[in-house]
Amino acid sequence: MSAAHGPRVLAFAEAEVPAPLAAQVAALEAEAWPGSAPGHDPALAPRSLLLTDPAGTVLAALSLLHKEIRLGGRSHRAAGLSSVVTRAAVRGRGHGGRLVAAARAVLAADGAVDLALFSCDRPLAPFYTAAGFAPLPGTVLVGGTPEEPLATDAPGFDKVVLAAFFTDSPDHRARTAFTGVRVPLHPGAVDRLW
């Protein structure tokens, strides 16, 4: 099926998403996470990826968040997936997986990103693995702020940390540095787990 007749991936800085698309994304997020505030901390340079049909209906959406992480004696330019959502009426048709795979490709092509790093509920790990991300055994992301941390291993959470490394050296130093450790992500009070 050609792109003109099928779904296509659109990318925008979050603040530049056209209003009709932004309204659809906000509605999808409100349905998935009632009571949550839309949008992300501008300090994380949020980018929106949308999968739309030819009529302009948002089938799936996600956000890419960015920050530098100091770990293992090095600075790493990281990006994370956030707010991954598929329209309820079209779930099970591969739209979410297509968008997550597209996000991985976008990050891999971005010379300003060393790795993708994020967490998900344990039952969703196979979904992200199918899109090219790998679990990091024993890794815990510590979000929130240093004063009010929120870790992926907090009571009541059942999270898996996943990653993709784009500038890894042959000796896998970055992968090793991020495996089986607590990563001080600290994205702030808005995007507490990324």
C-alpha atoms as a PDB file:
ATOM      1  CA  MET A   1       0.000   0.000   0.000  1.00  0.00           C
ATOM      2  CA  SER A   2       1.471   3.369  -0.925  1.00  0.00           C
ATOM      3  CA  ALA A   3       2.005   6.106   1.622  1.00  0.00           C
ATOM      4  CA  ALA A   4      -0.622   8.201  -0.179  1.00  0.00           C
ATOM      5  CA  HIS A   5      -3.273   5.584   0.550  1.00  0.00           C
ATOM      6  CA  GLY A   6      -2.138   4.291   3.927  1.00  0.00           C
ATOM      7  CA  PRO A   7      -1.112   5.600   7.331  1.00  0.00           C
ATOM      8  CA  ARG A   8       1.895   7.896   7.500  1.00  0.00           C
ATOM      9  CA  VAL A   9       4.202   9.023  10.270  1.00  0.00           C
ATOM     10  CA  LEU A  10       4.398  12.751  10.985  1.00  0.00           C
ATOM     11  CA  ALA A  11       7.002  14.355  13.259  1.00  0.00           C
ATOM     12  CA  PHE A  12       6.802  17.734  14.971  1.00  0.00           C
ATOM     13  CA  ALA A  13       8.342  19.602  17.855  1.00  0.00           C
ATOM     14  CA  GLU A  14       5.590  19.194  20.467  1.00  0.00           C
ATOM     15  CA  ALA A  15       4.876  22.940  20.516  1.00  0.00           C
ATOM     16  CA  GLU A  16       4.426  22.924  16.717  1.00  0.00           C
ATOM     17  CA  VAL A  17       1.876  20.115  16.316  1.00  0.00           C
ATOM     18  CA  PRO A  18      -0.991  21.570  14.246  1.00  0.00           C
ATOM     19  CA  ALA A  19      -4.012  22.340  16.459  1.00  0.00           C
ATOM     20  CA  PRO A  20      -6.402  19.748  14.933  1.00  0.00           C
ATOM     21  CA  LEU A  21      -3.820  16.974  15.446  1.00  0.00           C
ATOM     22  CA  ALA A  22      -2.878  18.224  18.924  1.00  0.00           C
ATOM     23  CA  ALA A  23      -6.545  18.120  19.957  1.00  0.00           C
ATOM     24  CA  GLN A  24      -6.813  14.513  18.807  1.00  0.00           C
ATOM     25  CA  VAL A  25      -3.640  13.535  20.691  1.00  0.00           C
ATOM     26  CA  ALA A  26      -4.907  15.259  23.852  1.00  0.00           C
ATOM     27  CA  ALA A  27      -8.195  13.339  23.580  1.00  0.00           C
ATOM     28  CA  LEU A  28      -6.387  10.000  23.115  1.00  0.00           C
ATOM     29  CA  GLU A  29      -4.144  10.699  26.103  1.00  0.00           C
ATOM     30  CA  ALA A  30      -7.100  11.781  28.274  1.00  0.00           C
ATOM     31  CA  GLU A  31      -8.869   8.527  27.425  1.00  0.00           C
ATOM     32  CA  ALA A  32      -5.784   6.427  28.205  1.00  0.00           C
ATOM     33  CA  TRP A  33      -4.683   8.343  31.318  1.00  0.00           C
ATOM     34  CA  PRO A  34      -7.686  10.221  32.773  1.00  0.00           C
ATOM     35  CA  GLY A  35      -6.710  13.251  34.809  1.00  0.00           C
ATOM     36  CA  SER A  36      -3.187  13.561  33.428  1.00  0.00           C
ATOM     37  CA  ALA A  37      -2.042  16.913  32.120  1.00  0.00           C
ATOM     38  CA  PRO A  38      -1.253  17.028  28.401  1.00  0.00           C
ATOM     39  CA  GLY A  39       2.202  17.929  27.168  1.00  0.00           C
ATOM     40  CA  HIS A  40       5.732  17.545  28.447  1.00  0.00           C
ATOM     41  CA  ASP A  41       8.407  19.637  30.113  1.00  0.00           C
ATOM     42  CA  PRO A  42       9.915  21.887  27.397  1.00  0.00           C
ATOM     43  CA  ALA A  43      13.334  21.332  29.009  1.00  0.00           C
ATOM     44  CA  LEU A  44      13.188  17.765  27.623  1.00  0.00           C
ATOM     45  CA  ALA A  45      12.879  19.022  24.006  1.00  0.00           C
ATOM     46  CA  PRO A  46       9.713  16.968  23.384  1.00  0.00           C
ATOM     47  CA  ARG A  47       8.969  15.810  19.863  1.00  0.00           C
ATOM     48  CA  SER A  48       5.675  14.260  18.798  1.00  0.00           C
ATOM     49  CA  LEU A  49       5.419  11.360  16.386  1.00  0.00           C
ATOM     50  CA  LEU A  50       1.956  10.704  15.005  1.00  0.00           C
ATOM     51  CA  LEU A  51       0.631   7.946  12.792  1.00  0.00           C
ATOM     52  CA  THR A  52      -2.273   9.351  10.791  1.00  0.00           C
ATOM     53  CA  ASP A  53      -4.625   7.944   8.194  1.00  0.00           C
ATOM     54  CA  PRO A  54      -5.183   9.774   4.860  1.00  0.00           C
ATOM     55  CA  ALA A  55      -8.145  11.664   6.354  1.00  0.00           C
ATOM     56  CA  GLY A  56      -5.945  13.131   9.102  1.00  0.00           C
ATOM     57  CA  THR A  57      -7.181  10.937  11.946  1.00  0.00           C
ATOM     58  CA  VAL A  58      -4.472  10.211  14.511  1.00  0.00           C
ATOM     59  CA  LEU A  59      -4.251   6.433  14.826  1.00  0.00           C
ATOM     60  CA  ALA A  60      -1.336   6.384  17.285  1.00  0.00           C
ATOM     61  CA  ALA A  61       0.903   8.929  18.968  1.00  0.00           C
ATOM     62  CA  LEU A  62       3.996   9.083  21.131  1.00  0.00           C
ATOM     63  CA  SER A  63       6.467  11.613  22.441  1.00  0.00           C
ATOM     64  CA  LEU A  64      10.241  11.557  22.319  1.00  0.00           C
ATOM     65  CA  LEU A  65      11.922  13.240  25.283  1.00  0.00           C
ATOM     66  CA  HIS A  66      15.623  14.149  25.408  1.00  0.00           C
ATOM     67  CA  LYS A  67      18.229  14.800  28.078  1.00  0.00           C
ATOM     68  CA  GLU A  68      21.860  14.215  28.912  1.00  0.00           C
ATOM     69  CA  ILE A  69      22.564  11.511  31.497  1.00  0.00           C
ATOM     70  CA  ARG A  70      25.848  11.218  33.361  1.00  0.00           C
ATOM     71  CA  LEU A  71      26.641   7.560  34.080  1.00  0.00           C
ATOM     72  CA  GLY A  72      29.730   5.374  34.110  1.00  0.00           C
ATOM     73  CA  GLY A  73      32.024   8.378  34.018  1.00  0.00           C
ATOM     74  CA  ARG A  74      30.555   9.572  30.732  1.00  0.00           C
ATOM     75  CA  SER A  75      27.807  11.810  29.441  1.00  0.00           C
ATOM     76  CA  HIS A  76      25.188  10.073  27.321  1.00  0.00           C
ATOM     77  CA  ARG A  77      22.680  11.849  25.102  1.00  0.00           C
ATOM     78  CA  ALA A  78      19.481   9.942  25.822  1.00  0.00           C
ATOM     79  CA  ALA A  79      15.984   9.958  24.424  1.00  0.00           C
ATOM     80  CA  GLY A  80      12.958   8.225  25.838  1.00  0.00           C
ATOM     81  CA  LEU A  81       9.554   7.196  24.592  1.00  0.00           C
ATOM     82  CA  SER A  82       6.617   8.636  26.493  1.00  0.00           C
ATOM     83  CA  SER A  83       2.837   8.782  26.161  1.00  0.00           C
ATOM     84  CA  VAL A  84       2.613   5.928  23.666  1.00  0.00           C
ATOM     85  CA  VAL A  85      -1.072   5.573  22.794  1.00  0.00           C
ATOM     86  CA  THR A  86      -3.194   3.997  20.052  1.00  0.00           C
ATOM     87  CA  ARG A  87      -6.771   4.971  19.249  1.00  0.00           C
ATOM     88  CA  ALA A  88      -9.002   2.391  20.973  1.00  0.00           C
ATOM     89  CA  ALA A  89     -11.079   1.702  17.847  1.00  0.00           C
ATOM     90  CA  VAL A  90      -8.019   0.593  15.846  1.00  0.00           C
ATOM     91  CA  ARG A  91      -5.986  -1.308  18.449  1.00  0.00           C
ATOM     92  CA  GLY A  92      -4.671  -4.693  17.436  1.00  0.00           C
ATOM     93  CA  ARG A  93      -3.954  -3.657  13.838  1.00  0.00           C
ATOM     94  CA  GLY A  94      -0.228  -2.945  14.258  1.00  0.00           C
ATOM     95  CA  HIS A  95      -0.459   0.851  14.286  1.00  0.00           C
ATOM     96  CA  GLY A  96       1.241   1.255  17.668  1.00  0.00           C
ATOM     97  CA  GLY A  97       4.017  -1.161  16.734  1.00  0.00           C
ATOM     98  CA  ARG A  98       4.589   0.629  13.445  1.00  0.00           C
ATOM     99  CA  LEU A  99       4.879   3.975  15.231  1.00  0.00           C
ATOM    100  CA  VAL A 100       7.236   2.641  17.921  1.00  0.00           C
ATOM    101  CA  ALA A 101       9.463   1.083  15.240  1.00  0.00           C
ATOM    102  CA  ALA A 102       9.429   4.424  13.398  1.00  0.00           C
ATOM    103  CA  ALA A 103      10.449   6.173  16.633  1.00  0.00           C
ATOM    104  CA  ARG A 104      13.405   3.822  17.008  1.00  0.00           C
ATOM    105  CA  ALA A 105      14.445   4.555  13.406  1.00  0.00           C
ATOM    106  CA  VAL A 106      14.135   8.327  13.972  1.00  0.00           C
ATOM    107  CA  LEU A 107      16.329   8.107  17.076  1.00  0.00           C
ATOM    108  CA  ALA A 108      18.882   5.842  15.385  1.00  0.00           C
ATOM    109  CA  ALA A 109      19.232   8.395  12.560  1.00  0.00           C
ATOM    110  CA  ASP A 110      19.637  11.326  14.974  1.00  0.00           C
ATOM    111  CA  GLY A 111      23.335  11.999  15.477  1.00  0.00           C
ATOM    112  CA  ALA A 112      22.502  13.886  18.684  1.00  0.00           C
ATOM    113  CA  VAL A 113      21.142  10.728  20.389  1.00  0.00           C
ATOM    114  CA  ASP A 114      23.411   8.015  21.832  1.00  0.00           C
ATOM    115  CA  LEU A 115      20.674   5.785  23.203  1.00  0.00           C
ATOM    116  CA  ALA A 116      16.971   5.368  23.785  1.00  0.00           C
ATOM    117  CA  LEU A 117      16.019   4.511  27.351  1.00  0.00           C
ATOM    118  CA  PHE A 118      12.566   4.155  28.909  1.00  0.00           C
ATOM    119  CA  SER A 119      10.404   1.928  31.058  1.00  0.00           C
ATOM    120  CA  CYS A 120       7.098   0.207  30.479  1.00  0.00           C
ATOM    121  CA  ASP A 121       4.703  -2.047  32.346  1.00  0.00           C
ATOM    122  CA  ARG A 122       6.082  -5.602  32.293  1.00  0.00           C
ATOM    123  CA  PRO A 123       3.273  -7.026  30.086  1.00  0.00           C
ATOM    124  CA  LEU A 124       4.145  -4.455  27.367  1.00  0.00           C
ATOM    125  CA  ALA A 125       7.835  -5.442  27.107  1.00  0.00           C
ATOM    126  CA  PRO A 126       7.270  -7.868  24.163  1.00  0.00           C
ATOM    127  CA  PHE A 127       5.551  -5.058  22.221  1.00  0.00           C
ATOM    128  CA  TYR A 128       8.631  -2.831  22.523  1.00  0.00           C
ATOM    129  CA  THR A 129      11.051  -5.715  21.976  1.00  0.00           C
ATOM    130  CA  ALA A 130       9.305  -6.463  18.661  1.00  0.00           C
ATOM    131  CA  ALA A 131      10.054  -2.859  17.617  1.00  0.00           C
ATOM    132  CA  GLY A 132      13.792  -3.267  18.251  1.00  0.00           C
ATOM    133  CA  PHE A 133      14.273  -2.294  21.892  1.00  0.00           C
ATOM    134  CA  ALA A 134      15.975  -4.647  24.354  1.00  0.00           C
ATOM    135  CA  PRO A 135      15.332  -5.120  28.089  1.00  0.00           C
ATOM    136  CA  LEU A 136      18.137  -4.084  30.443  1.00  0.00           C
ATOM    137  CA  PRO A 137      18.146  -6.728  33.206  1.00  0.00           C
ATOM    138  CA  GLY A 138      18.311  -5.265  36.691  1.00  0.00           C
ATOM    139  CA  THR A 139      18.271  -1.656  35.491  1.00  0.00           C
ATOM    140  CA  VAL A 140      16.128   0.830  37.401  1.00  0.00           C
ATOM    141  CA  LEU A 141      15.298   4.331  36.178  1.00  0.00           C
ATOM    142  CA  VAL A 142      15.128   6.909  38.944  1.00  0.00           C
ATOM    143  CA  GLY A 143      12.830   9.681  37.802  1.00  0.00           C
ATOM    144  CA  GLY A 144      11.310  12.655  39.549  1.00  0.00           C
ATOM    145  CA  THR A 145      13.836  14.960  41.155  1.00  0.00           C
ATOM    146  CA  PRO A 146      16.794  14.241  43.459  1.00  0.00           C
ATOM    147  CA  GLU A 147      14.675  15.621  46.323  1.00  0.00           C
ATOM    148  CA  GLU A 148      11.578  13.580  45.361  1.00  0.00           C
ATOM    149  CA  PRO A 149      12.754  10.566  43.362  1.00  0.00           C
ATOM    150  CA  LEU A 150      10.399   8.099  41.693  1.00  0.00           C
ATOM    151  CA  ALA A 151      12.020   4.798  40.757  1.00  0.00           C
ATOM    152  CA  THR A 152      10.743   2.128  38.400  1.00  0.00           C
ATOM    153  CA  ASP A 153      11.170  -0.412  41.201  1.00  0.00           C
ATOM    154  CA  ALA A 154       8.988   1.571  43.650  1.00  0.00           C
ATOM    155  CA  PRO A 155       6.338  -0.419  45.533  1.00  0.00           C
ATOM    156  CA  GLY A 156       3.352  -1.106  43.314  1.00  0.00           C
ATOM    157  CA  PHE A 157       5.317  -0.749  40.067  1.00  0.00           C
ATOM    158  CA  ASP A 158       6.074  -3.682  37.799  1.00  0.00           C
ATOM    159  CA  LYS A 159       8.262  -1.965  35.230  1.00  0.00           C
ATOM    160  CA  VAL A 160      10.835  -3.147  32.716  1.00  0.00           C
ATOM    161  CA  VAL A 161      13.575  -0.837  31.457  1.00  0.00           C
ATOM    162  CA  LEU A 162      14.270  -1.044  27.730  1.00  0.00           C
ATOM    163  CA  ALA A 163      16.960   0.501  25.577  1.00  0.00           C
ATOM    164  CA  ALA A 164      18.508   0.770  22.147  1.00  0.00           C
ATOM    165  CA  PHE A 165      22.116   1.890  21.748  1.00  0.00           C
ATOM    166  CA  PHE A 166      22.991   3.878  18.646  1.00  0.00           C
ATOM    167  CA  THR A 167      26.630   4.869  19.201  1.00  0.00           C
ATOM    168  CA  ASP A 168      27.782   1.849  21.176  1.00  0.00           C
ATOM    169  CA  SER A 169      31.424   0.944  20.804  1.00  0.00           C
ATOM    170  CA  PRO A 170      32.494  -2.580  19.866  1.00  0.00           C
ATOM    171  CA  ASP A 171      33.266  -3.350  23.503  1.00  0.00           C
ATOM    172  CA  HIS A 172      29.682  -2.406  24.469  1.00  0.00           C
ATOM    173  CA  ARG A 173      30.750   0.092  27.146  1.00  0.00           C
ATOM    174  CA  ALA A 174      27.473   2.032  27.062  1.00  0.00           C
ATOM    175  CA  ARG A 175      25.301  -1.098  27.229  1.00  0.00           C
ATOM    176  CA  THR A 176      27.390  -2.396  30.137  1.00  0.00           C
ATOM    177  CA  ALA A 177      27.215   0.966  31.937  1.00  0.00           C
ATOM    178  CA  PHE A 178      23.391   0.945  31.743  1.00  0.00           C
ATOM    179  CA  THR A 179      22.791  -2.702  32.697  1.00  0.00           C
ATOM    180  CA  GLY A 180      21.970  -3.718  36.268  1.00  0.00           C
ATOM    181  CA  VAL A 181      22.306  -0.197  37.692  1.00  0.00           C
ATOM    182  CA  ARG A 182      20.146   2.605  39.014  1.00  0.00           C
ATOM    183  CA  VAL A 183      20.090   5.351  36.381  1.00  0.00           C
ATOM    184  CA  PRO A 184      19.608   8.865  37.818  1.00  0.00           C
ATOM    185  CA  LEU A 185      17.308  10.128  35.083  1.00  0.00           C
ATOM    186  CA  HIS A 186      15.629  12.854  37.200  1.00  0.00           C
ATOM    187  CA  PRO A 187      13.562  14.469  34.408  1.00  0.00           C
ATOM    188  CA  GLY A 188      11.762  16.727  36.876  1.00  0.00           C
ATOM    189  CA  ALA A 189       8.290  17.068  38.356  1.00  0.00           C
ATOM    190  CA  VAL A 190       6.349  17.083  35.053  1.00  0.00           C
ATOM    191  CA  ASP A 191       7.624  13.931  33.323  1.00  0.00           C
ATOM    192  CA  ARG A 192       8.334  11.997  36.481  1.00  0.00           C
ATOM    193  CA  LEU A 193       9.273   8.624  34.971  1.00  0.00           C
ATOM    194  CA  TRP A 194      10.936  10.093  31.910  1.00  0.00           C
END
